[in-house]
Amino acid sequence: MNTSCFLIAGPCAAENERQLYETANQLFEQSSHFPFPLSFFRVGIWKPRSNAADFSGAGEAAFPWLKKINKDFHFPICVEVATPQHVELCQKNGITNV
């Protein structure tokens, strides 16, 4: 991995498994055109919103989807966290420091 540059890509919010998988597949298919390998597949699974009725991400349901993406495409996975509980859930689901 080029340590001076990072390429991080993925959808802003995890809406469903199909959306995540199709995004990962497109990144994988286009990766030969990237100047260096994709450093992380990044997705927001928790999206804080000011209006409780707004979409707030898939939450914990997204972890199996992300595991499949990691297995199929070998992309390191990263997610945004906002609480200590989010960190614990990430660690419990295998999303840890690289």
PDB file of N, CA and C in Angstrom:
ATOM      1  N   MET A   1       0.848  -1.177   0.000  1.00  0.00           N
ATOM      2  CA  MET A   1       0.000   0.000   0.000  1.00  0.00           C
ATOM      3  C   MET A   1       0.890   1.236   0.000  1.00  0.00           C
ATOM      4  N   ASN A   2       0.573   2.185  -0.848  1.00  0.00           N
ATOM      5  CA  ASN A   2       1.281   3.468  -0.880  1.00  0.00           C
ATOM      6  C   ASN A   2       0.919   4.224   0.396  1.00  0.00           C
ATOM      7  N   THR A   3       1.909   4.461   1.262  1.00  0.00           N
ATOM      8  CA  THR A   3       1.616   5.074   2.553  1.00  0.00           C
ATOM      9  C   THR A   3       1.501   6.583   2.490  1.00  0.00           C
ATOM     10  N   SER A   4       1.825   7.178   1.350  1.00  0.00           N
ATOM     11  CA  SER A   4       1.710   8.630   1.258  1.00  0.00           C
ATOM     12  C   SER A   4       0.345   9.064   0.709  1.00  0.00           C
ATOM     13  N   CYS A   5      -0.403   8.145   0.123  1.00  0.00           N
ATOM     14  CA  CYS A   5      -1.719   8.462  -0.437  1.00  0.00           C
ATOM     15  C   CYS A   5      -2.695   7.352  -0.077  1.00  0.00           C
ATOM     16  N   PHE A   6      -3.930   7.756   0.140  1.00  0.00           N
ATOM     17  CA  PHE A   6      -4.982   6.794   0.407  1.00  0.00           C
ATOM     18  C   PHE A   6      -6.120   7.046  -0.563  1.00  0.00           C
ATOM     19  N   LEU A   7      -6.694   5.978  -1.051  1.00  0.00           N
ATOM     20  CA  LEU A   7      -7.881   6.060  -1.892  1.00  0.00           C
ATOM     21  C   LEU A   7      -9.006   5.379  -1.122  1.00  0.00           C
ATOM     22  N   ILE A   8      -9.977   6.180  -0.719  1.00  0.00           N
ATOM     23  CA  ILE A   8     -11.098   5.693   0.074  1.00  0.00           C
ATOM     24  C   ILE A   8     -12.371   5.976  -0.718  1.00  0.00           C
ATOM     25  N   ALA A   9     -13.176   4.938  -0.945  1.00  0.00           N
ATOM     26  CA  ALA A   9     -14.374   5.114  -1.765  1.00  0.00           C
ATOM     27  C   ALA A   9     -15.490   4.223  -1.249  1.00  0.00           C
ATOM     28  N   GLY A  10     -16.706   4.651  -1.538  1.00  0.00           N
ATOM     29  CA  GLY A  10     -17.882   3.880  -1.165  1.00  0.00           C
ATOM     30  C   GLY A  10     -19.063   4.813  -1.016  1.00  0.00           C
ATOM     31  N   PRO A  11     -20.236   4.257  -0.776  1.00  0.00           N
ATOM     32  CA  PRO A  11     -21.437   5.086  -0.682  1.00  0.00           C
ATOM     33  C   PRO A  11     -21.504   5.856   0.640  1.00  0.00           C
ATOM     34  N   CYS A  12     -22.150   6.992   0.594  1.00  0.00           N
ATOM     35  CA  CYS A  12     -22.316   7.812   1.785  1.00  0.00           C
ATOM     36  C   CYS A  12     -23.062   7.037   2.872  1.00  0.00           C
ATOM     37  N   ALA A  13     -24.111   6.372   2.488  1.00  0.00           N
ATOM     38  CA  ALA A  13     -24.926   5.636   3.455  1.00  0.00           C
ATOM     39  C   ALA A  13     -25.247   4.247   2.935  1.00  0.00           C
ATOM     40  N   ALA A  14     -25.246   3.276   3.848  1.00  0.00           N
ATOM     41  CA  ALA A  14     -25.638   1.909   3.511  1.00  0.00           C
ATOM     42  C   ALA A  14     -27.156   1.843   3.467  1.00  0.00           C
ATOM     43  N   GLU A  15     -27.679   1.651   2.275  1.00  0.00           N
ATOM     44  CA  GLU A  15     -29.136   1.567   2.129  1.00  0.00           C
ATOM     45  C   GLU A  15     -29.614   0.120   2.144  1.00  0.00           C
ATOM     46  N   ASN A  16     -28.903  -0.746   1.411  1.00  0.00           N
ATOM     47  CA  ASN A  16     -29.266  -2.158   1.368  1.00  0.00           C
ATOM     48  C   ASN A  16     -28.076  -2.948   0.831  1.00  0.00           C
ATOM     49  N   GLU A  17     -28.169  -4.258   0.922  1.00  0.00           N
ATOM     50  CA  GLU A  17     -27.065  -5.120   0.509  1.00  0.00           C
ATOM     51  C   GLU A  17     -26.740  -4.961  -0.975  1.00  0.00           C
ATOM     52  N   ARG A  18     -27.752  -4.905  -1.792  1.00  0.00           N
ATOM     53  CA  ARG A  18     -27.533  -4.794  -3.244  1.00  0.00           C
ATOM     54  C   ARG A  18     -26.756  -3.517  -3.587  1.00  0.00           C
ATOM     55  N   GLN A  19     -27.147  -2.394  -2.990  1.00  0.00           N
ATOM     56  CA  GLN A  19     -26.462  -1.123  -3.259  1.00  0.00           C
ATOM     57  C   GLN A  19     -24.985  -1.208  -2.885  1.00  0.00           C
ATOM     58  N   LEU A  20     -24.686  -1.777  -1.716  1.00  0.00           N
ATOM     59  CA  LEU A  20     -23.288  -1.881  -1.289  1.00  0.00           C
ATOM     60  C   LEU A  20     -22.502  -2.803  -2.207  1.00  0.00           C
ATOM     61  N   TYR A  21     -23.091  -3.962  -2.520  1.00  0.00           N
ATOM     62  CA  TYR A  21     -22.377  -4.933  -3.339  1.00  0.00           C
ATOM     63  C   TYR A  21     -22.128  -4.407  -4.750  1.00  0.00           C
ATOM     64  N   GLU A  22     -23.115  -3.762  -5.341  1.00  0.00           N
ATOM     65  CA  GLU A  22     -22.932  -3.206  -6.690  1.00  0.00           C
ATOM     66  C   GLU A  22     -21.870  -2.103  -6.687  1.00  0.00           C
ATOM     67  N   THR A  23     -21.860  -1.287  -5.643  1.00  0.00           N
ATOM     68  CA  THR A  23     -20.831  -0.246  -5.551  1.00  0.00           C
ATOM     69  C   THR A  23     -19.447  -0.876  -5.441  1.00  0.00           C
ATOM     70  N   ALA A  24     -19.306  -1.879  -4.578  1.00  0.00           N
ATOM     71  CA  ALA A  24     -18.019  -2.555  -4.425  1.00  0.00           C
ATOM     72  C   ALA A  24     -17.591  -3.227  -5.725  1.00  0.00           C
ATOM     73  N   ASN A  25     -18.527  -3.852  -6.415  1.00  0.00           N
ATOM     74  CA  ASN A  25     -18.210  -4.511  -7.677  1.00  0.00           C
ATOM     75  C   ASN A  25     -17.731  -3.508  -8.726  1.00  0.00           C
ATOM     76  N   GLN A  26     -18.395  -2.362  -8.809  1.00  0.00           N
ATOM     77  CA  GLN A  26     -17.966  -1.341  -9.774  1.00  0.00           C
ATOM     78  C   GLN A  26     -16.571  -0.811  -9.427  1.00  0.00           C
ATOM     79  N   LEU A  27     -16.303  -0.604  -8.156  1.00  0.00           N
ATOM     80  CA  LEU A  27     -14.964  -0.165  -7.743  1.00  0.00           C
ATOM     81  C   LEU A  27     -13.926  -1.224  -8.099  1.00  0.00           C
ATOM     82  N   PHE A  28     -14.262  -2.481  -7.874  1.00  0.00           N
ATOM     83  CA  PHE A  28     -13.346  -3.573  -8.192  1.00  0.00           C
ATOM     84  C   PHE A  28     -13.057  -3.623  -9.694  1.00  0.00           C
ATOM     85  N   GLU A  29     -14.117  -3.516 -10.498  1.00  0.00           N
ATOM     86  CA  GLU A  29     -13.953  -3.575 -11.952  1.00  0.00           C
ATOM     87  C   GLU A  29     -13.139  -2.403 -12.493  1.00  0.00           C
ATOM     88  N   GLN A  30     -13.243  -1.255 -11.866  1.00  0.00           N
ATOM     89  CA  GLN A  30     -12.524  -0.066 -12.335  1.00  0.00           C
ATOM     90  C   GLN A  30     -11.155   0.108 -11.686  1.00  0.00           C
ATOM     91  N   SER A  31     -10.833  -0.730 -10.719  1.00  0.00           N
ATOM     92  CA  SER A  31      -9.624  -0.520  -9.927  1.00  0.00           C
ATOM     93  C   SER A  31      -8.335  -0.589 -10.740  1.00  0.00           C
ATOM     94  N   SER A  32      -8.343  -1.252 -11.868  1.00  0.00           N
ATOM     95  CA  SER A  32      -7.122  -1.295 -12.681  1.00  0.00           C
ATOM     96  C   SER A  32      -6.795   0.077 -13.264  1.00  0.00           C
ATOM     97  N   HIS A  33      -7.761   0.983 -13.268  1.00  0.00           N
ATOM     98  CA  HIS A  33      -7.537   2.337 -13.776  1.00  0.00           C
ATOM     99  C   HIS A  33      -7.123   3.319 -12.683  1.00  0.00           C
ATOM    100  N   PHE A  34      -7.147   2.863 -11.429  1.00  0.00           N
ATOM    101  CA  PHE A  34      -6.777   3.736 -10.314  1.00  0.00           C
ATOM    102  C   PHE A  34      -5.258   3.900 -10.281  1.00  0.00           C
ATOM    103  N   PRO A  35      -4.754   5.038  -9.820  1.00  0.00           N
ATOM    104  CA  PRO A  35      -3.297   5.238  -9.746  1.00  0.00           C
ATOM    105  C   PRO A  35      -2.628   4.352  -8.699  1.00  0.00           C
ATOM    106  N   PHE A  36      -3.395   3.869  -7.729  1.00  0.00           N
ATOM    107  CA  PHE A  36      -2.898   2.925  -6.729  1.00  0.00           C
ATOM    108  C   PHE A  36      -4.105   2.197  -6.146  1.00  0.00           C
ATOM    109  N   PRO A  37      -3.890   1.105  -5.431  1.00  0.00           N
ATOM    110  CA  PRO A  37      -5.024   0.287  -4.971  1.00  0.00           C
ATOM    111  C   PRO A  37      -5.970   1.036  -4.031  1.00  0.00           C
ATOM    112  N   LEU A  38      -7.208   0.590  -4.024  1.00  0.00           N
ATOM    113  CA  LEU A  38      -8.190   1.128  -3.099  1.00  0.00           C
ATOM    114  C   LEU A  38      -7.731   0.813  -1.675  1.00  0.00           C
ATOM    115  N   SER A  39      -7.578   1.842  -0.861  1.00  0.00           N
ATOM    116  CA  SER A  39      -7.102   1.660   0.508  1.00  0.00           C
ATOM    117  C   SER A  39      -8.207   1.150   1.421  1.00  0.00           C
ATOM    118  N   PHE A  40      -9.419   1.683   1.262  1.00  0.00           N
ATOM    119  CA  PHE A  40     -10.548   1.293   2.099  1.00  0.00           C
ATOM    120  C   PHE A  40     -11.857   1.429   1.331  1.00  0.00           C
ATOM    121  N   PHE A  41     -12.750   0.466   1.557  1.00  0.00           N
ATOM    122  CA  PHE A  41     -14.141   0.608   1.138  1.00  0.00           C
ATOM    123  C   PHE A  41     -14.841   1.214   2.335  1.00  0.00           C
ATOM    124  N   ARG A  42     -15.332   2.431   2.181  1.00  0.00           N
ATOM    125  CA  ARG A  42     -15.909   3.202   3.279  1.00  0.00           C
ATOM    126  C   ARG A  42     -17.404   3.373   3.063  1.00  0.00           C
ATOM    127  N   VAL A  43     -18.150   3.181   4.127  1.00  0.00           N
ATOM    128  CA  VAL A  43     -19.603   3.344   4.055  1.00  0.00           C
ATOM    129  C   VAL A  43     -20.125   3.838   5.402  1.00  0.00           C
ATOM    130  N   GLY A  44     -21.123   4.690   5.335  1.00  0.00           N
ATOM    131  CA  GLY A  44     -21.782   5.147   6.558  1.00  0.00           C
ATOM    132  C   GLY A  44     -22.927   4.210   6.905  1.00  0.00           C
ATOM    133  N   ILE A  45     -22.772   3.462   7.991  1.00  0.00           N
ATOM    134  CA  ILE A  45     -23.872   2.585   8.387  1.00  0.00           C
ATOM    135  C   ILE A  45     -24.740   3.237   9.456  1.00  0.00           C
ATOM    136  N   TRP A  46     -24.195   4.249  10.104  1.00  0.00           N
ATOM    137  CA  TRP A  46     -24.974   5.066  11.046  1.00  0.00           C
ATOM    138  C   TRP A  46     -24.909   6.496  10.550  1.00  0.00           C
ATOM    139  N   LYS A  47     -26.036   7.087  10.253  1.00  0.00           N
ATOM    140  CA  LYS A  47     -26.071   8.445   9.713  1.00  0.00           C
ATOM    141  C   LYS A  47     -26.886   9.327  10.656  1.00  0.00           C
ATOM    142  N   PRO A  48     -26.197  10.102  11.506  1.00  0.00           N
ATOM    143  CA  PRO A  48     -26.955  10.985  12.404  1.00  0.00           C
ATOM    144  C   PRO A  48     -27.751  12.017  11.607  1.00  0.00           C
ATOM    145  N   ARG A  49     -28.987  12.191  11.964  1.00  0.00           N
ATOM    146  CA  ARG A  49     -29.868  13.125  11.271  1.00  0.00           C
ATOM    147  C   ARG A  49     -30.547  14.035  12.285  1.00  0.00           C
ATOM    148  N   SER A  50     -30.833  15.250  11.860  1.00  0.00           N
ATOM    149  CA  SER A  50     -31.523  16.177  12.746  1.00  0.00           C
ATOM    150  C   SER A  50     -33.016  15.858  12.844  1.00  0.00           C
ATOM    151  N   ASN A  51     -33.549  15.195  11.828  1.00  0.00           N
ATOM    152  CA  ASN A  51     -34.955  14.808  11.833  1.00  0.00           C
ATOM    153  C   ASN A  51     -35.013  13.286  11.986  1.00  0.00           C
ATOM    154  N   ALA A  52     -35.648  12.824  13.029  1.00  0.00           N
ATOM    155  CA  ALA A  52     -35.704  11.385  13.304  1.00  0.00           C
ATOM    156  C   ALA A  52     -36.381  10.592  12.193  1.00  0.00           C
ATOM    157  N   ALA A  53     -37.172  11.251  11.361  1.00  0.00           N
ATOM    158  CA  ALA A  53     -37.859  10.556  10.270  1.00  0.00           C
ATOM    159  C   ALA A  53     -36.958  10.348   9.054  1.00  0.00           C
ATOM    160  N   ASP A  54     -35.822  11.025   9.000  1.00  0.00           N
ATOM    161  CA  ASP A  54     -34.898  10.873   7.880  1.00  0.00           C
ATOM    162  C   ASP A  54     -34.166   9.536   7.971  1.00  0.00           C
ATOM    163  N   PHE A  55     -33.747   9.012   6.805  1.00  0.00           N
ATOM    164  CA  PHE A  55     -33.003   7.753   6.751  1.00  0.00           C
ATOM    165  C   PHE A  55     -31.732   7.864   7.571  1.00  0.00           C
ATOM    166  N   SER A  56     -31.464   6.870   8.396  1.00  0.00           N
ATOM    167  CA  SER A  56     -30.299   6.947   9.271  1.00  0.00           C
ATOM    168  C   SER A  56     -29.312   5.812   9.066  1.00  0.00           C
ATOM    169  N   GLY A  57     -29.346   5.174   7.911  1.00  0.00           N
ATOM    170  CA  GLY A  57     -28.409   4.096   7.622  1.00  0.00           C
ATOM    171  C   GLY A  57     -28.955   2.747   8.055  1.00  0.00           C
ATOM    172  N   ALA A  58     -28.321   1.690   7.595  1.00  0.00           N
ATOM    173  CA  ALA A  58     -28.800   0.337   7.876  1.00  0.00           C
ATOM    174  C   ALA A  58     -28.380  -0.159   9.249  1.00  0.00           C
ATOM    175  N   GLY A  59     -27.407   0.507   9.870  1.00  0.00           N
ATOM    176  CA  GLY A  59     -26.959   0.095  11.199  1.00  0.00           C
ATOM    177  C   GLY A  59     -26.318  -1.277  11.194  1.00  0.00           C
ATOM    178  N   GLU A  60     -26.541  -2.010  12.279  1.00  0.00           N
ATOM    179  CA  GLU A  60     -25.900  -3.315  12.459  1.00  0.00           C
ATOM    180  C   GLU A  60     -26.220  -4.306  11.343  1.00  0.00           C
ATOM    181  N   ALA A  61     -27.337  -4.136  10.678  1.00  0.00           N
ATOM    182  CA  ALA A  61     -27.710  -5.053   9.591  1.00  0.00           C
ATOM    183  C   ALA A  61     -26.673  -5.053   8.481  1.00  0.00           C
ATOM    184  N   ALA A  62     -25.874  -3.990   8.377  1.00  0.00           N
ATOM    185  CA  ALA A  62     -24.890  -3.875   7.301  1.00  0.00           C
ATOM    186  C   ALA A  62     -23.637  -4.713   7.535  1.00  0.00           C
ATOM    187  N   PHE A  63     -23.384  -5.164   8.752  1.00  0.00           N
ATOM    188  CA  PHE A  63     -22.140  -5.895   9.009  1.00  0.00           C
ATOM    189  C   PHE A  63     -21.984  -7.152   8.152  1.00  0.00           C
ATOM    190  N   PRO A  64     -22.999  -8.008   8.013  1.00  0.00           N
ATOM    191  CA  PRO A  64     -22.831  -9.174   7.129  1.00  0.00           C
ATOM    192  C   PRO A  64     -22.569  -8.770   5.676  1.00  0.00           C
ATOM    193  N   TRP A  65     -23.171  -7.691   5.231  1.00  0.00           N
ATOM    194  CA  TRP A  65     -22.953  -7.217   3.866  1.00  0.00           C
ATOM    195  C   TRP A  65     -21.484  -6.815   3.686  1.00  0.00           C
ATOM    196  N   LEU A  66     -20.954  -6.115   4.670  1.00  0.00           N
ATOM    197  CA  LEU A  66     -19.567  -5.652   4.590  1.00  0.00           C
ATOM    198  C   LEU A  66     -18.594  -6.824   4.661  1.00  0.00           C
ATOM    199  N   LYS A  67     -18.922  -7.839   5.448  1.00  0.00           N
ATOM    200  CA  LYS A  67     -18.074  -9.039   5.511  1.00  0.00           C
ATOM    201  C   LYS A  67     -18.023  -9.723   4.152  1.00  0.00           C
ATOM    202  N   LYS A  68     -19.159  -9.781   3.464  1.00  0.00           N
ATOM    203  CA  LYS A  68     -19.202 -10.397   2.128  1.00  0.00           C
ATOM    204  C   LYS A  68     -18.362  -9.593   1.141  1.00  0.00           C
ATOM    205  N   ILE A  69     -18.441  -8.285   1.211  1.00  0.00           N
ATOM    206  CA  ILE A  69     -17.637  -7.428   0.327  1.00  0.00           C
ATOM    207  C   ILE A  69     -16.156  -7.648   0.590  1.00  0.00           C
ATOM    208  N   ASN A  70     -15.776  -7.699   1.845  1.00  0.00           N
ATOM    209  CA  ASN A  70     -14.372  -7.938   2.182  1.00  0.00           C
ATOM    210  C   ASN A  70     -13.916  -9.297   1.655  1.00  0.00           C
ATOM    211  N   LYS A  71     -14.759 -10.314   1.827  1.00  0.00           N
ATOM    212  CA  LYS A  71     -14.420 -11.663   1.370  1.00  0.00           C
ATOM    213  C   LYS A  71     -14.308 -11.729  -0.157  1.00  0.00           C
ATOM    214  N   ASP A  72     -15.271 -11.138  -0.860  1.00  0.00           N
ATOM    215  CA  ASP A  72     -15.316 -11.264  -2.317  1.00  0.00           C
ATOM    216  C   ASP A  72     -14.327 -10.354  -3.037  1.00  0.00           C
ATOM    217  N   PHE A  73     -14.073  -9.162  -2.481  1.00  0.00           N
ATOM    218  CA  PHE A  73     -13.236  -8.195  -3.191  1.00  0.00           C
ATOM    219  C   PHE A  73     -11.924  -7.876  -2.482  1.00  0.00           C
ATOM    220  N   HIS A  74     -11.776  -8.356  -1.264  1.00  0.00           N
ATOM    221  CA  HIS A  74     -10.558  -8.124  -0.465  1.00  0.00           C
ATOM    222  C   HIS A  74     -10.298  -6.648  -0.192  1.00  0.00           C
ATOM    223  N   PHE A  75     -11.360  -5.870  -0.108  1.00  0.00           N
ATOM    224  CA  PHE A  75     -11.233  -4.460   0.257  1.00  0.00           C
ATOM    225  C   PHE A  75     -11.207  -4.348   1.779  1.00  0.00           C
ATOM    226  N   PRO A  76     -10.250  -3.640   2.345  1.00  0.00           N
ATOM    227  CA  PRO A  76     -10.364  -3.311   3.771  1.00  0.00           C
ATOM    228  C   PRO A  76     -11.609  -2.437   3.962  1.00  0.00           C
ATOM    229  N   ILE A  77     -12.304  -2.651   5.050  1.00  0.00           N
ATOM    230  CA  ILE A  77     -13.563  -1.957   5.305  1.00  0.00           C
ATOM    231  C   ILE A  77     -13.365  -0.908   6.398  1.00  0.00           C
ATOM    232  N   CYS A  78     -13.969   0.261   6.196  1.00  0.00           N
ATOM    233  CA  CYS A  78     -14.004   1.249   7.277  1.00  0.00           C
ATOM    234  C   CYS A  78     -15.392   1.883   7.313  1.00  0.00           C
ATOM    235  N   VAL A  79     -15.800   2.246   8.514  1.00  0.00           N
ATOM    236  CA  VAL A  79     -17.076   2.910   8.726  1.00  0.00           C
ATOM    237  C   VAL A  79     -16.861   4.076   9.679  1.00  0.00           C
ATOM    238  N   GLU A  80     -17.746   5.035   9.591  1.00  0.00           N
ATOM    239  CA  GLU A  80     -17.717   6.144  10.538  1.00  0.00           C
ATOM    240  C   GLU A  80     -18.378   5.692  11.834  1.00  0.00           C
ATOM    241  N   VAL A  81     -17.839   6.151  12.948  1.00  0.00           N
ATOM    242  CA  VAL A  81     -18.436   5.857  14.244  1.00  0.00           C
ATOM    243  C   VAL A  81     -18.710   7.168  14.971  1.00  0.00           C
ATOM    244  N   ALA A  82     -19.726   7.149  15.822  1.00  0.00           N
ATOM    245  CA  ALA A  82     -20.088   8.357  16.556  1.00  0.00           C
ATOM    246  C   ALA A  82     -20.183   8.119  18.057  1.00  0.00           C
ATOM    247  N   THR A  83     -20.198   6.852  18.457  1.00  0.00           N
ATOM    248  CA  THR A  83     -20.342   6.545  19.879  1.00  0.00           C
ATOM    249  C   THR A  83     -19.397   5.400  20.250  1.00  0.00           C
ATOM    250  N   PRO A  84     -19.104   5.261  21.529  1.00  0.00           N
ATOM    251  CA  PRO A  84     -18.304   4.096  21.955  1.00  0.00           C
ATOM    252  C   PRO A  84     -18.977   2.769  21.598  1.00  0.00           C
ATOM    253  N   GLN A  85     -20.303   2.744  21.595  1.00  0.00           N
ATOM    254  CA  GLN A  85     -21.023   1.520  21.223  1.00  0.00           C
ATOM    255  C   GLN A  85     -20.767   1.157  19.763  1.00  0.00           C
ATOM    256  N   HIS A  86     -20.655   2.161  18.896  1.00  0.00           N
ATOM    257  CA  HIS A  86     -20.333   1.891  17.490  1.00  0.00           C
ATOM    258  C   HIS A  86     -18.961   1.233  17.378  1.00  0.00           C
ATOM    259  N   VAL A  87     -18.002   1.733  18.137  1.00  0.00           N
ATOM    260  CA  VAL A  87     -16.647   1.149  18.123  1.00  0.00           C
ATOM    261  C   VAL A  87     -16.706  -0.305  18.568  1.00  0.00           C
ATOM    262  N   GLU A  88     -17.426  -0.573  19.648  1.00  0.00           N
ATOM    263  CA  GLU A  88     -17.545  -1.940  20.152  1.00  0.00           C
ATOM    264  C   GLU A  88     -18.203  -2.857  19.127  1.00  0.00           C
ATOM    265  N   LEU A  89     -19.249  -2.380  18.468  1.00  0.00           N
ATOM    266  CA  LEU A  89     -19.924  -3.189  17.449  1.00  0.00           C
ATOM    267  C   LEU A  89     -19.000  -3.466  16.264  1.00  0.00           C
ATOM    268  N   CYS A  90     -18.217  -2.478  15.864  1.00  0.00           N
ATOM    269  CA  CYS A  90     -17.257  -2.691  14.779  1.00  0.00           C
ATOM    270  C   CYS A  90     -16.230  -3.759  15.166  1.00  0.00           C
ATOM    271  N   GLN A  91     -15.695  -3.666  16.376  1.00  0.00           N
ATOM    272  CA  GLN A  91     -14.720  -4.643  16.826  1.00  0.00           C
ATOM    273  C   GLN A  91     -15.340  -6.037  16.895  1.00  0.00           C
ATOM    274  N   LYS A  92     -16.548  -6.113  17.413  1.00  0.00           N
ATOM    275  CA  LYS A  92     -17.259  -7.395  17.517  1.00  0.00           C
ATOM    276  C   LYS A  92     -17.487  -8.021  16.149  1.00  0.00           C
ATOM    277  N   ASN A  93     -17.647  -7.171  15.121  1.00  0.00           N
ATOM    278  CA  ASN A  93     -17.931  -7.651  13.764  1.00  0.00           C
ATOM    279  C   ASN A  93     -16.721  -7.669  12.853  1.00  0.00           C
ATOM    280  N   GLY A  94     -15.536  -7.559  13.420  1.00  0.00           N
ATOM    281  CA  GLY A  94     -14.310  -7.731  12.649  1.00  0.00           C
ATOM    282  C   GLY A  94     -13.821  -6.515  11.895  1.00  0.00           C
ATOM    283  N   ILE A  95     -14.407  -5.364  12.145  1.00  0.00           N
ATOM    284  CA  ILE A  95     -13.911  -4.138  11.522  1.00  0.00           C
ATOM    285  C   ILE A  95     -13.034  -3.466  12.576  1.00  0.00           C
ATOM    286  N   THR A  96     -11.726  -3.625  12.410  1.00  0.00           N
ATOM    287  CA  THR A  96     -10.780  -3.158  13.414  1.00  0.00           C
ATOM    288  C   THR A  96      -9.667  -2.368  12.756  1.00  0.00           C
ATOM    289  N   ASN A  97      -8.773  -1.889  13.563  1.00  0.00           N
ATOM    290  CA  ASN A  97      -7.632  -1.120  13.045  1.00  0.00           C
ATOM    291  C   ASN A  97      -6.801  -1.969  12.102  1.00  0.00           C
ATOM    292  N   VAL A  98      -6.258  -1.310  11.102  1.00  0.00           N
ATOM    293  CA  VAL A  98      -5.392  -1.998  10.142  1.00  0.00           C
ATOM    294  C   VAL A  98      -3.956  -1.681  10.492  1.00  0.00           C
TER     295      VAL A  98
END
